[in-house]
């Protein structure tokens, strides 16, 4: 999923606000520093998922090509999801 910078900023702000309101977070640094760290974490997570998508798509294409004509009855979306889930588990990425 691709998010615009302003969407990431709003998401980070919402996370910070909700964590502070619930008492699960107590800032030891300036709010701006913490907010930038949350934004960076979100961006890193999105990049990891984009990389995962590319790798899953590549593996899907390789598998379909190897299957030849037998691949015609395969549900591409379902197989992509299965490959992506397996890669995510192997790489310890939470989707």
C-alpha atoms as a PDB file:
ATOM      1  CA  UNK A   1       0.000   0.000   0.000  1.00  0.00           C
ATOM      2  CA  UNK A   2       1.364   3.383  -0.917  1.00  0.00           C
ATOM      3  CA  UNK A   3       0.567   6.297   1.369  1.00  0.00           C
ATOM      4  CA  UNK A   4       1.278   9.945   0.703  1.00  0.00           C
ATOM      5  CA  UNK A   5       3.481  11.901   3.090  1.00  0.00           C
ATOM      6  CA  UNK A   6       0.526  13.750   4.592  1.00  0.00           C
ATOM      7  CA  UNK A   7      -1.308  10.451   5.167  1.00  0.00           C
ATOM      8  CA  UNK A   8       1.745   9.032   6.932  1.00  0.00           C
ATOM      9  CA  UNK A   9       1.967  12.181   9.067  1.00  0.00           C
ATOM     10  CA  UNK A  10      -1.698  11.914  10.066  1.00  0.00           C
ATOM     11  CA  UNK A  11      -1.328   8.216  10.833  1.00  0.00           C
ATOM     12  CA  UNK A  12       1.752   8.853  12.989  1.00  0.00           C
ATOM     13  CA  UNK A  13      -0.069  11.648  14.819  1.00  0.00           C
ATOM     14  CA  UNK A  14      -3.050   9.371  15.451  1.00  0.00           C
ATOM     15  CA  UNK A  15      -0.793   6.593  16.789  1.00  0.00           C
ATOM     16  CA  UNK A  16       0.997   9.031  19.100  1.00  0.00           C
ATOM     17  CA  UNK A  17      -2.258  10.559  20.342  1.00  0.00           C
ATOM     18  CA  UNK A  18      -3.902   7.177  20.968  1.00  0.00           C
ATOM     19  CA  UNK A  19      -0.865   5.753  22.771  1.00  0.00           C
ATOM     20  CA  UNK A  20      -0.566   8.823  24.989  1.00  0.00           C
ATOM     21  CA  UNK A  21      -4.291   8.826  25.763  1.00  0.00           C
ATOM     22  CA  UNK A  22      -4.257   5.134  26.695  1.00  0.00           C
ATOM     23  CA  UNK A  23      -1.293   5.563  29.011  1.00  0.00           C
ATOM     24  CA  UNK A  24       0.828   3.072  27.054  1.00  0.00           C
ATOM     25  CA  UNK A  25       3.397   5.722  26.193  1.00  0.00           C
ATOM     26  CA  UNK A  26       5.265   8.322  28.199  1.00  0.00           C
ATOM     27  CA  UNK A  27       7.549  10.602  26.197  1.00  0.00           C
ATOM     28  CA  UNK A  28      11.165  10.873  27.281  1.00  0.00           C
ATOM     29  CA  UNK A  29      12.046  13.141  24.347  1.00  0.00           C
ATOM     30  CA  UNK A  30      10.363  16.005  22.552  1.00  0.00           C
ATOM     31  CA  UNK A  31       7.086  15.126  20.874  1.00  0.00           C
ATOM     32  CA  UNK A  32       8.503  16.089  17.474  1.00  0.00           C
ATOM     33  CA  UNK A  33      11.403  13.671  17.846  1.00  0.00           C
ATOM     34  CA  UNK A  34       9.067  10.845  18.824  1.00  0.00           C
ATOM     35  CA  UNK A  35       6.670  11.724  16.014  1.00  0.00           C
ATOM     36  CA  UNK A  36       9.504  11.584  13.475  1.00  0.00           C
ATOM     37  CA  UNK A  37      10.507   8.166  14.831  1.00  0.00           C
ATOM     38  CA  UNK A  38       6.936   6.899  14.406  1.00  0.00           C
ATOM     39  CA  UNK A  39       6.825   8.273  10.843  1.00  0.00           C
ATOM     40  CA  UNK A  40      10.142   6.568  10.044  1.00  0.00           C
ATOM     41  CA  UNK A  41       8.832   3.276  11.438  1.00  0.00           C
ATOM     42  CA  UNK A  42       5.704   3.512   9.286  1.00  0.00           C
ATOM     43  CA  UNK A  43       7.730   4.297   6.159  1.00  0.00           C
ATOM     44  CA  UNK A  44      10.122   1.409   6.866  1.00  0.00           C
ATOM     45  CA  UNK A  45       7.187  -0.959   7.326  1.00  0.00           C
ATOM     46  CA  UNK A  46       5.585   0.166   4.067  1.00  0.00           C
ATOM     47  CA  UNK A  47       8.878  -0.289   2.192  1.00  0.00           C
ATOM     48  CA  UNK A  48       9.282  -3.782   3.641  1.00  0.00           C
ATOM     49  CA  UNK A  49       5.799  -4.719   2.479  1.00  0.00           C
ATOM     50  CA  UNK A  50       6.422  -3.286  -0.996  1.00  0.00           C
ATOM     51  CA  UNK A  51       9.579  -5.386  -1.231  1.00  0.00           C
ATOM     52  CA  UNK A  52       7.629  -8.407  -0.046  1.00  0.00           C
ATOM     53  CA  UNK A  53       4.998  -7.789  -2.746  1.00  0.00           C
ATOM     54  CA  UNK A  54       7.663  -7.579  -5.462  1.00  0.00           C
ATOM     55  CA  UNK A  55       9.314 -10.785  -4.299  1.00  0.00           C
ATOM     56  CA  UNK A  56       5.985 -12.610  -4.045  1.00  0.00           C
ATOM     57  CA  UNK A  57       5.009 -11.477  -7.545  1.00  0.00           C
ATOM     58  CA  UNK A  58       8.355 -12.660  -8.889  1.00  0.00           C
ATOM     59  CA  UNK A  59       7.979 -16.081  -7.249  1.00  0.00           C
ATOM     60  CA  UNK A  60       4.413 -16.326  -8.522  1.00  0.00           C
ATOM     61  CA  UNK A  61       5.553 -15.667 -12.087  1.00  0.00           C
ATOM     62  CA  UNK A  62       8.350 -18.247 -11.761  1.00  0.00           C
ATOM     63  CA  UNK A  63       5.930 -20.862 -10.436  1.00  0.00           C
ATOM     64  CA  UNK A  64       3.320 -20.184 -13.083  1.00  0.00           C
ATOM     65  CA  UNK A  65       5.932 -20.331 -15.808  1.00  0.00           C
ATOM     66  CA  UNK A  66       7.248 -23.644 -14.437  1.00  0.00           C
ATOM     67  CA  UNK A  67       3.728 -25.069 -14.389  1.00  0.00           C
ATOM     68  CA  UNK A  68       3.178 -24.232 -18.041  1.00  0.00           C
ATOM     69  CA  UNK A  69      -0.322 -24.941 -19.342  1.00  0.00           C
ATOM     70  CA  UNK A  70      -1.349 -26.481 -16.013  1.00  0.00           C
ATOM     71  CA  UNK A  71      -1.298 -22.960 -14.546  1.00  0.00           C
ATOM     72  CA  UNK A  72      -4.375 -21.893 -16.512  1.00  0.00           C
ATOM     73  CA  UNK A  73      -6.762 -22.971 -13.743  1.00  0.00           C
ATOM     74  CA  UNK A  74      -4.800 -21.324 -10.943  1.00  0.00           C
ATOM     75  CA  UNK A  75      -6.312 -18.412  -9.020  1.00  0.00           C
ATOM     76  CA  UNK A  76      -3.452 -15.887  -9.277  1.00  0.00           C
ATOM     77  CA  UNK A  77      -4.687 -13.748  -6.410  1.00  0.00           C
ATOM     78  CA  UNK A  78      -5.020 -16.689  -4.028  1.00  0.00           C
ATOM     79  CA  UNK A  79      -1.608 -18.067  -4.981  1.00  0.00           C
ATOM     80  CA  UNK A  80      -0.018 -14.608  -4.636  1.00  0.00           C
ATOM     81  CA  UNK A  81      -1.507 -14.288  -1.160  1.00  0.00           C
ATOM     82  CA  UNK A  82      -0.220 -17.721  -0.150  1.00  0.00           C
ATOM     83  CA  UNK A  83       3.294 -16.907  -1.386  1.00  0.00           C
ATOM     84  CA  UNK A  84       3.232 -13.503   0.300  1.00  0.00           C
ATOM     85  CA  UNK A  85       2.072 -15.016   3.597  1.00  0.00           C
ATOM     86  CA  UNK A  86       4.836 -17.626   3.459  1.00  0.00           C
ATOM     87  CA  UNK A  87       7.506 -15.018   2.685  1.00  0.00           C
ATOM     88  CA  UNK A  88       6.211 -12.783   5.467  1.00  0.00           C
ATOM     89  CA  UNK A  89       6.399 -15.661   7.947  1.00  0.00           C
ATOM     90  CA  UNK A  90       9.933 -16.554   6.818  1.00  0.00           C
ATOM     91  CA  UNK A  91      11.058 -12.930   7.120  1.00  0.00           C
ATOM     92  CA  UNK A  92       9.170 -12.393  10.381  1.00  0.00           C
ATOM     93  CA  UNK A  93       7.067  -9.581   8.906  1.00  0.00           C
ATOM     94  CA  UNK A  94       3.638  -9.008  10.430  1.00  0.00           C
ATOM     95  CA  UNK A  95       1.038  -8.188   7.813  1.00  0.00           C
END
